[in-house]
Amino acid sequence: MLTIAPQYCADSDQSAAARVDGPEDQALDRLRTWLTVPEATDRLGCLLAKTTAELAWEDEAIAARSRAAYETLRESCRLLVEQAQRAGQVDPDADSAALGGLVLATHRGLEALLKAGIDPKTLNRIADAAIDGITLDSAGASAGAGA
């Protein structure tokens, strides 16, 4: 039976938890950083995403571990959105779980586009637009969003 490397998933979970740590008024910056693609990249992609796409449909153990990893990622995004809500940067009445899911879906979509060869500058404009789109005050939006 195939499995996702347990250490890879544990590292992913730990990285997601670490993103939540920090000042609430910097939560959107931490989300933006997570979405940002390095200018120099190898286009290898994420083992979790590739394993899910290729194997989860045929192996319930892989599907279950993938779901658990994605739930951890979505939860960290939700917590960061809630931090930004408390800091007055995101509408306090917005559905933090849905916005957290939106950020996760954006991350995975950006990863797929990178794998297809879309240039990092374009992807980073998309990342900026995603974060700026949930921000209450666009005056605080990144300088790169409209570039």
Protein backbone atom coordinates (compact mmCIF):
# COMPACT_ATOMS: atom_id res chain seq x y z
CA MET A 1 0.00 0.00 0.00
CA LEU A 2 1.21 3.50 -0.83
CA THR A 3 1.32 6.18 1.85
CA ILE A 4 2.20 9.83 2.13
CA ALA A 5 5.48 10.18 3.98
CA PRO A 6 4.46 10.67 7.63
CA GLN A 7 7.31 13.12 8.29
CA TYR A 8 6.27 15.25 5.29
CA CYS A 9 2.73 15.52 6.67
CA ALA A 10 4.00 16.19 10.18
CA ASP A 11 6.23 18.97 8.81
CA SER A 12 3.27 20.43 6.91
CA ASP A 13 1.15 20.37 10.08
CA GLN A 14 3.94 21.99 12.11
CA SER A 15 4.45 24.70 9.48
CA ALA A 16 0.72 25.47 9.48
CA ALA A 17 0.69 25.76 13.27
CA ALA A 18 3.76 28.02 13.25
CA ARG A 19 2.06 30.43 10.83
CA VAL A 20 -0.62 31.11 13.42
CA ASP A 21 1.94 32.37 15.94
CA GLY A 22 2.51 36.09 15.85
CA PRO A 23 0.80 39.43 16.29
CA GLU A 24 -2.83 39.52 15.16
CA ASP A 25 -2.24 42.67 13.12
CA GLN A 26 0.29 40.72 11.02
CA ALA A 27 -1.96 37.71 10.31
CA LEU A 28 -2.75 38.83 6.74
CA ASP A 29 0.97 39.35 6.11
CA ARG A 30 1.61 35.76 7.19
CA LEU A 31 -1.13 34.52 4.85
CA ARG A 32 0.26 36.65 2.01
CA THR A 33 3.75 35.26 2.63
CA TRP A 34 2.39 31.70 2.53
CA LEU A 35 0.76 32.38 -0.84
CA THR A 36 3.81 34.12 -2.31
CA VAL A 37 5.82 32.14 -4.85
CA PRO A 38 9.62 32.60 -4.77
CA GLU A 39 10.97 34.34 -7.88
CA ALA A 40 13.37 31.43 -8.43
CA THR A 41 11.56 28.12 -8.18
CA ASP A 42 12.07 24.56 -9.34
CA ARG A 43 8.38 23.88 -10.18
CA LEU A 44 8.52 20.57 -8.31
CA GLY A 45 5.33 21.19 -6.37
CA CYS A 46 4.04 19.79 -3.12
CA LEU A 47 4.18 16.08 -2.32
CA LEU A 48 0.83 16.31 -0.53
CA ALA A 49 -0.89 17.93 -3.51
CA LYS A 50 0.64 15.51 -6.00
CA THR A 51 -0.17 12.46 -3.89
CA THR A 52 -3.75 13.63 -3.40
CA ALA A 53 -4.24 14.32 -7.10
CA GLU A 54 -2.71 11.06 -8.27
CA LEU A 55 -3.52 8.49 -5.59
CA ALA A 56 -6.27 9.56 -3.19
CA TRP A 57 -9.04 8.46 -5.52
CA GLU A 58 -7.81 4.84 -5.37
CA ASP A 59 -6.44 4.54 -1.83
CA GLU A 60 -8.61 5.43 1.16
CA ALA A 61 -5.62 5.64 3.54
CA ILE A 62 -4.01 8.28 1.31
CA ALA A 63 -7.32 10.10 0.93
CA ALA A 64 -7.82 10.14 4.72
CA ARG A 65 -4.30 11.42 5.44
CA SER A 66 -4.63 14.03 2.70
CA ARG A 67 -7.96 15.22 4.14
CA ALA A 68 -6.41 15.46 7.60
CA ALA A 69 -3.47 17.50 6.29
CA TYR A 70 -5.75 19.82 4.34
CA GLU A 71 -8.01 20.26 7.37
CA THR A 72 -4.97 21.32 9.39
CA LEU A 73 -4.01 23.81 6.68
CA ARG A 74 -7.57 25.13 6.42
CA GLU A 75 -7.80 25.46 10.19
CA SER A 76 -4.58 27.49 10.34
CA CYS A 77 -5.93 29.77 7.60
CA ARG A 78 -9.21 30.15 9.53
CA LEU A 79 -7.33 31.08 12.68
CA LEU A 80 -5.27 33.65 10.79
CA VAL A 81 -8.44 35.15 9.29
CA GLU A 82 -9.91 35.36 12.79
CA GLN A 83 -6.77 37.12 14.01
CA ALA A 84 -7.11 39.62 11.17
CA GLN A 85 -10.79 40.08 12.07
CA ARG A 86 -9.88 40.91 15.67
CA ALA A 87 -7.21 43.31 14.37
CA GLY A 88 -9.89 45.12 12.31
CA GLN A 89 -8.40 44.11 8.95
CA VAL A 90 -11.14 41.71 7.82
CA ASP A 91 -14.92 42.12 8.18
CA PRO A 92 -15.72 40.75 11.64
CA ASP A 93 -19.01 39.33 10.31
CA ALA A 94 -17.35 37.40 7.48
CA ASP A 95 -17.31 33.60 7.65
CA SER A 96 -13.74 32.90 8.81
CA ALA A 97 -14.00 29.20 7.90
CA ALA A 98 -15.04 30.03 4.33
CA LEU A 99 -12.32 32.68 3.98
CA GLY A 100 -9.75 30.25 5.39
CA GLY A 101 -10.89 27.72 2.80
CA LEU A 102 -10.62 30.36 0.10
CA VAL A 103 -7.00 31.04 1.07
CA LEU A 104 -6.20 27.31 1.06
CA ALA A 105 -7.87 26.83 -2.32
CA THR A 106 -5.95 29.82 -3.68
CA HIS A 107 -2.69 28.30 -2.40
CA ARG A 108 -3.38 24.98 -4.07
CA GLY A 109 -4.47 26.68 -7.30
CA LEU A 110 -1.34 28.83 -7.37
CA GLU A 111 0.72 25.69 -6.88
CA ALA A 112 -0.96 24.02 -9.87
CA LEU A 113 -0.43 27.11 -12.03
CA LEU A 114 3.23 27.25 -11.01
CA LYS A 115 3.61 23.59 -11.96
CA ALA A 116 2.15 24.47 -15.37
CA GLY A 117 4.83 27.12 -15.85
CA ILE A 118 2.98 30.36 -15.05
CA ASP A 119 5.58 32.93 -14.02
CA PRO A 120 5.94 33.76 -10.31
CA LYS A 121 5.25 37.48 -10.82
CA THR A 122 1.82 36.70 -12.23
CA LEU A 123 1.11 34.22 -9.45
CA ASN A 124 2.16 36.74 -6.80
CA ARG A 125 -0.22 39.33 -8.25
CA ILE A 126 -2.97 36.73 -7.86
CA ALA A 127 -1.86 36.04 -4.27
CA ASP A 128 -1.93 39.77 -3.51
CA ALA A 129 -5.40 40.07 -5.05
CA ALA A 130 -6.68 37.19 -2.93
CA ILE A 131 -5.47 38.75 0.34
CA ASP A 132 -6.41 42.28 -0.70
CA GLY A 133 -9.87 40.97 -1.60
CA ILE A 134 -10.59 39.95 1.99
CA THR A 135 -8.99 43.04 3.54
CA LEU A 136 -11.32 45.77 4.80
CA ASP A 137 -8.97 48.68 4.09
CA SER A 138 -7.40 48.33 0.66
CA ALA A 139 -5.22 51.36 1.47
CA GLY A 140 -3.11 48.91 3.48
CA ALA A 141 -2.89 46.50 0.57
CA SER A 142 0.46 45.49 -0.80
CA ALA A 143 2.23 47.73 -3.26
CA GLY A 144 2.52 44.83 -5.70
CA ALA A 145 -1.22 44.18 -5.97
CA GLY A 146 -1.83 46.48 -8.91
CA ALA A 147 1.51 46.01 -10.63
